[in-house]
Amino acid sequence: MANAASGSPAAKTSAAATRQIVLNKIRSKWGKFSEQDLSALKSKDDVVSQLVAKYGLEHAQAQRDVDTLMENRQLEVRPFPQAHGRPKVRPGLQHAKLIVPTKGP
């Protein structure tokens, strides 16, 4: 079974579906979130901060409420993993030229 870290299309769809489920739960539980607010949420910390700001909850209570609502789901939709730095090149190929054939006259 693919997971979100694999970068497969199914995992990406699953992550997007999970995000939508979480946003729907947030929308139904806390009605003061506008569509713009919901689309701007990137993490659980964002939800907690917004609850504190919009509802005047204590941070600890907001954190407990969000943890309960999220049920170990992630809000983030992670992009495909990217290589850090430059691509690895096999020894001896660092100075290889790429010759591209051109069309004649």
N, C-alpha and C. Protein backbone atom coordinates (compact mmCIF):
# COMPACT_ATOMS: atom_id res chain seq x y z
N MET A 1 0.85 -1.19 0.00
CA MET A 1 0.00 0.00 0.00
C MET A 1 0.88 1.24 0.00
N ALA A 2 0.56 2.21 -0.82
CA ALA A 2 1.38 3.42 -0.96
C ALA A 2 1.11 4.36 0.21
N ASN A 3 2.16 5.06 0.61
CA ASN A 3 1.97 6.08 1.64
C ASN A 3 2.28 7.44 1.05
N ALA A 4 2.01 8.49 1.79
CA ALA A 4 2.15 9.85 1.27
C ALA A 4 3.60 10.18 0.93
N ALA A 5 4.55 9.54 1.58
CA ALA A 5 5.95 9.83 1.32
C ALA A 5 6.42 9.21 0.01
N SER A 6 5.69 8.25 -0.54
CA SER A 6 6.14 7.58 -1.75
C SER A 6 6.04 8.47 -2.96
N GLY A 7 5.18 9.47 -2.95
CA GLY A 7 5.05 10.37 -4.07
C GLY A 7 4.21 9.81 -5.20
N SER A 8 3.57 8.68 -4.99
CA SER A 8 2.75 8.09 -6.04
C SER A 8 1.47 8.91 -6.21
N PRO A 9 0.87 8.85 -7.41
CA PRO A 9 -0.37 9.59 -7.63
C PRO A 9 -1.47 9.19 -6.64
N ALA A 10 -1.54 7.91 -6.29
CA ALA A 10 -2.55 7.47 -5.32
C ALA A 10 -2.31 8.08 -3.95
N ALA A 11 -1.04 8.16 -3.56
CA ALA A 11 -0.71 8.75 -2.26
C ALA A 11 -1.03 10.23 -2.25
N LYS A 12 -0.76 10.91 -3.39
CA LYS A 12 -1.04 12.34 -3.47
C LYS A 12 -2.55 12.58 -3.39
N THR A 13 -3.34 11.75 -4.08
CA THR A 13 -4.79 11.86 -4.03
C THR A 13 -5.28 11.59 -2.61
N SER A 14 -4.72 10.58 -1.98
CA SER A 14 -5.11 10.25 -0.62
C SER A 14 -4.81 11.40 0.34
N ALA A 15 -3.66 12.03 0.18
CA ALA A 15 -3.30 13.16 1.04
C ALA A 15 -4.26 14.32 0.81
N ALA A 16 -4.61 14.57 -0.44
CA ALA A 16 -5.54 15.66 -0.74
C ALA A 16 -6.93 15.34 -0.19
N ALA A 17 -7.34 14.08 -0.28
CA ALA A 17 -8.64 13.67 0.26
C ALA A 17 -8.65 13.80 1.78
N THR A 18 -7.56 13.42 2.41
CA THR A 18 -7.46 13.55 3.87
C THR A 18 -7.54 15.01 4.28
N ARG A 19 -6.85 15.87 3.55
CA ARG A 19 -6.91 17.31 3.84
C ARG A 19 -8.34 17.81 3.74
N GLN A 20 -9.06 17.38 2.71
CA GLN A 20 -10.44 17.83 2.52
C GLN A 20 -11.33 17.35 3.67
N ILE A 21 -11.12 16.12 4.12
CA ILE A 21 -11.88 15.59 5.25
C ILE A 21 -11.64 16.44 6.49
N VAL A 22 -10.38 16.76 6.74
CA VAL A 22 -10.03 17.56 7.92
C VAL A 22 -10.64 18.96 7.81
N LEU A 23 -10.54 19.57 6.63
CA LEU A 23 -11.11 20.91 6.46
C LEU A 23 -12.62 20.89 6.64
N ASN A 24 -13.29 19.85 6.18
CA ASN A 24 -14.74 19.74 6.38
C ASN A 24 -15.08 19.61 7.86
N LYS A 25 -14.27 18.86 8.60
CA LYS A 25 -14.50 18.73 10.05
C LYS A 25 -14.31 20.07 10.75
N ILE A 26 -13.26 20.79 10.36
CA ILE A 26 -13.00 22.11 10.95
C ILE A 26 -14.17 23.04 10.64
N ARG A 27 -14.63 23.03 9.40
CA ARG A 27 -15.74 23.89 8.96
C ARG A 27 -17.00 23.60 9.77
N SER A 28 -17.29 22.31 9.98
CA SER A 28 -18.53 21.97 10.69
C SER A 28 -18.44 22.23 12.20
N LYS A 29 -17.25 22.09 12.78
CA LYS A 29 -17.11 22.29 14.22
C LYS A 29 -16.96 23.77 14.58
N TRP A 30 -16.22 24.50 13.78
CA TRP A 30 -15.96 25.90 14.07
C TRP A 30 -16.40 26.74 12.87
N GLY A 31 -17.56 27.33 12.95
CA GLY A 31 -18.15 28.05 11.83
C GLY A 31 -17.56 29.41 11.52
N LYS A 32 -16.67 29.92 12.37
CA LYS A 32 -16.10 31.25 12.12
C LYS A 32 -14.98 31.24 11.09
N PHE A 33 -14.63 30.06 10.56
CA PHE A 33 -13.58 29.98 9.55
C PHE A 33 -14.19 30.26 8.18
N SER A 34 -13.65 31.25 7.49
CA SER A 34 -14.09 31.53 6.12
C SER A 34 -13.40 30.54 5.18
N GLU A 35 -13.84 30.50 3.94
CA GLU A 35 -13.18 29.63 2.96
C GLU A 35 -11.73 30.05 2.77
N GLN A 36 -11.48 31.35 2.82
CA GLN A 36 -10.11 31.85 2.69
C GLN A 36 -9.26 31.39 3.88
N ASP A 37 -9.83 31.45 5.10
CA ASP A 37 -9.12 30.97 6.28
C ASP A 37 -8.77 29.50 6.13
N LEU A 38 -9.74 28.71 5.69
CA LEU A 38 -9.52 27.27 5.56
C LEU A 38 -8.45 26.95 4.53
N SER A 39 -8.48 27.64 3.40
CA SER A 39 -7.50 27.35 2.36
C SER A 39 -6.10 27.77 2.77
N ALA A 40 -5.98 28.70 3.71
CA ALA A 40 -4.68 29.17 4.16
C ALA A 40 -4.06 28.27 5.23
N LEU A 41 -4.84 27.36 5.81
CA LEU A 41 -4.32 26.50 6.87
C LEU A 41 -3.32 25.52 6.29
N LYS A 42 -2.13 25.46 6.88
CA LYS A 42 -1.07 24.58 6.40
C LYS A 42 -0.70 23.49 7.39
N SER A 43 -1.03 23.70 8.66
CA SER A 43 -0.62 22.73 9.68
C SER A 43 -1.57 22.79 10.87
N LYS A 44 -1.38 21.84 11.78
CA LYS A 44 -2.17 21.84 13.01
C LYS A 44 -1.91 23.11 13.82
N ASP A 45 -0.68 23.59 13.80
CA ASP A 45 -0.35 24.81 14.53
C ASP A 45 -1.13 26.00 14.00
N ASP A 46 -1.34 26.04 12.68
CA ASP A 46 -2.15 27.12 12.10
C ASP A 46 -3.58 27.07 12.62
N VAL A 47 -4.14 25.86 12.71
CA VAL A 47 -5.51 25.70 13.21
C VAL A 47 -5.58 26.17 14.66
N VAL A 48 -4.62 25.74 15.46
CA VAL A 48 -4.59 26.13 16.88
C VAL A 48 -4.51 27.65 17.00
N SER A 49 -3.62 28.27 16.24
CA SER A 49 -3.46 29.73 16.30
C SER A 49 -4.76 30.44 15.92
N GLN A 50 -5.43 29.94 14.89
CA GLN A 50 -6.69 30.55 14.46
C GLN A 50 -7.79 30.38 15.51
N LEU A 51 -7.82 29.21 16.17
CA LEU A 51 -8.82 29.01 17.23
C LEU A 51 -8.60 29.97 18.39
N VAL A 52 -7.35 30.15 18.75
CA VAL A 52 -7.03 31.10 19.83
C VAL A 52 -7.48 32.50 19.43
N ALA A 53 -7.20 32.89 18.18
CA ALA A 53 -7.54 34.24 17.72
C ALA A 53 -9.04 34.44 17.53
N LYS A 54 -9.72 33.48 16.93
CA LYS A 54 -11.14 33.67 16.59
C LYS A 54 -12.09 33.37 17.75
N TYR A 55 -11.73 32.41 18.59
CA TYR A 55 -12.64 31.98 19.66
C TYR A 55 -12.16 32.34 21.05
N GLY A 56 -10.94 32.88 21.17
CA GLY A 56 -10.42 33.27 22.47
C GLY A 56 -10.11 32.09 23.38
N LEU A 57 -9.87 30.92 22.78
CA LEU A 57 -9.55 29.74 23.58
C LEU A 57 -8.13 29.84 24.12
N GLU A 58 -7.89 29.17 25.24
CA GLU A 58 -6.53 29.03 25.74
C GLU A 58 -5.78 28.13 24.75
N HIS A 59 -4.49 28.36 24.60
CA HIS A 59 -3.69 27.59 23.65
C HIS A 59 -3.78 26.09 23.93
N ALA A 60 -3.66 25.70 25.20
CA ALA A 60 -3.69 24.27 25.55
C ALA A 60 -5.03 23.64 25.19
N GLN A 61 -6.13 24.35 25.43
CA GLN A 61 -7.45 23.82 25.08
C GLN A 61 -7.62 23.71 23.57
N ALA A 62 -7.17 24.73 22.85
CA ALA A 62 -7.25 24.69 21.40
C ALA A 62 -6.43 23.52 20.85
N GLN A 63 -5.26 23.29 21.43
CA GLN A 63 -4.41 22.18 21.00
C GLN A 63 -5.10 20.83 21.23
N ARG A 64 -5.73 20.67 22.38
CA ARG A 64 -6.46 19.41 22.66
C ARG A 64 -7.62 19.23 21.69
N ASP A 65 -8.35 20.29 21.43
CA ASP A 65 -9.49 20.21 20.50
C ASP A 65 -9.03 19.83 19.09
N VAL A 66 -7.95 20.42 18.65
CA VAL A 66 -7.43 20.12 17.31
C VAL A 66 -6.90 18.69 17.25
N ASP A 67 -6.18 18.27 18.28
CA ASP A 67 -5.66 16.90 18.31
C ASP A 67 -6.80 15.89 18.24
N THR A 68 -7.88 16.15 18.97
CA THR A 68 -9.04 15.25 18.96
C THR A 68 -9.68 15.24 17.57
N LEU A 69 -9.85 16.40 16.98
CA LEU A 69 -10.49 16.50 15.68
C LEU A 69 -9.65 15.83 14.58
N MET A 70 -8.35 16.00 14.63
CA MET A 70 -7.48 15.52 13.56
C MET A 70 -7.34 14.00 13.56
N GLU A 71 -7.47 13.36 14.70
CA GLU A 71 -7.38 11.89 14.80
C GLU A 71 -6.17 11.35 14.05
N ASN A 72 -5.00 11.91 14.34
CA ASN A 72 -3.73 11.49 13.74
C ASN A 72 -3.67 11.71 12.23
N ARG A 73 -4.50 12.57 11.69
CA ARG A 73 -4.42 12.91 10.27
C ARG A 73 -3.51 14.12 10.11
N GLN A 74 -2.95 14.23 8.93
CA GLN A 74 -2.11 15.38 8.61
C GLN A 74 -2.91 16.37 7.79
N LEU A 75 -2.71 17.63 8.03
CA LEU A 75 -3.38 18.67 7.25
C LEU A 75 -2.58 19.00 6.00
N GLU A 76 -1.27 18.83 6.09
CA GLU A 76 -0.39 19.21 4.99
C GLU A 76 -0.54 18.24 3.83
N VAL A 77 -0.53 18.79 2.65
CA VAL A 77 -0.40 17.98 1.44
C VAL A 77 1.04 18.17 1.01
N ARG A 78 1.82 17.13 1.15
CA ARG A 78 3.24 17.23 0.87
C ARG A 78 3.51 17.05 -0.61
N PRO A 79 4.38 17.89 -1.17
CA PRO A 79 4.74 17.73 -2.58
C PRO A 79 5.60 16.50 -2.77
N PHE A 80 5.81 16.13 -4.00
CA PHE A 80 6.70 15.01 -4.27
C PHE A 80 8.06 15.30 -3.65
N PRO A 81 8.72 14.27 -3.11
CA PRO A 81 10.04 14.50 -2.53
C PRO A 81 11.02 14.97 -3.60
N GLN A 82 11.85 15.91 -3.24
CA GLN A 82 12.84 16.42 -4.18
C GLN A 82 14.23 16.13 -3.65
N ALA A 83 15.15 15.91 -4.57
CA ALA A 83 16.53 15.67 -4.18
C ALA A 83 17.11 16.97 -3.63
N HIS A 84 17.92 16.85 -2.62
CA HIS A 84 18.58 18.02 -2.05
C HIS A 84 19.89 18.23 -2.79
N GLY A 85 20.14 19.44 -3.17
CA GLY A 85 21.39 19.76 -3.84
C GLY A 85 21.38 19.30 -5.29
N ARG A 86 22.57 19.12 -5.80
CA ARG A 86 22.73 18.73 -7.20
C ARG A 86 22.55 17.23 -7.37
N PRO A 87 22.15 16.81 -8.54
CA PRO A 87 22.05 15.37 -8.78
C PRO A 87 23.41 14.71 -8.68
N LYS A 88 23.42 13.48 -8.24
CA LYS A 88 24.68 12.75 -8.13
C LYS A 88 25.13 12.33 -9.52
N VAL A 89 26.42 12.47 -9.74
CA VAL A 89 27.02 12.11 -11.01
C VAL A 89 28.04 11.03 -10.74
N ARG A 90 28.02 10.00 -11.59
CA ARG A 90 29.00 8.94 -11.41
C ARG A 90 30.40 9.47 -11.66
N PRO A 91 31.39 8.95 -10.94
CA PRO A 91 32.77 9.38 -11.17
C PRO A 91 33.16 9.19 -12.63
N GLY A 92 33.88 10.15 -13.16
CA GLY A 92 34.33 10.08 -14.54
C GLY A 92 33.37 10.72 -15.52
N LEU A 93 32.17 11.06 -15.09
CA LEU A 93 31.20 11.65 -15.99
C LEU A 93 30.97 13.14 -15.72
N GLN A 94 31.75 13.70 -14.83
CA GLN A 94 31.53 15.10 -14.47
C GLN A 94 31.72 16.04 -15.66
N HIS A 95 32.58 15.68 -16.62
CA HIS A 95 32.89 16.60 -17.70
C HIS A 95 32.35 16.09 -19.03
N ALA A 96 31.42 15.17 -18.99
CA ALA A 96 30.87 14.63 -20.23
C ALA A 96 30.04 15.70 -20.93
N LYS A 97 30.09 15.72 -22.24
CA LYS A 97 29.32 16.68 -23.02
C LYS A 97 28.08 15.98 -23.56
N LEU A 98 27.05 16.72 -23.69
CA LEU A 98 25.82 16.23 -24.31
C LEU A 98 25.82 16.73 -25.75
N ILE A 99 25.85 15.80 -26.68
CA ILE A 99 25.87 16.17 -28.09
C ILE A 99 24.49 15.96 -28.64
N VAL A 100 23.88 17.04 -29.12
CA VAL A 100 22.53 16.99 -29.66
C VAL A 100 22.62 17.14 -31.16
N PRO A 101 22.11 16.14 -31.88
CA PRO A 101 22.18 16.28 -33.34
C PRO A 101 21.31 17.43 -33.82
N THR A 102 21.78 18.14 -34.79
CA THR A 102 21.03 19.26 -35.35
C THR A 102 20.53 18.87 -36.71
N LYS A 103 19.50 19.52 -37.15
CA LYS A 103 18.95 19.26 -38.48
C LYS A 103 19.85 19.93 -39.51
N GLY A 104 19.94 19.27 -40.61
CA GLY A 104 20.76 19.81 -41.70
C GLY A 104 20.08 20.99 -42.38
N PRO A 105 20.76 21.61 -43.33
CA PRO A 105 20.22 22.81 -44.01
C PRO A 105 19.02 22.54 -44.81
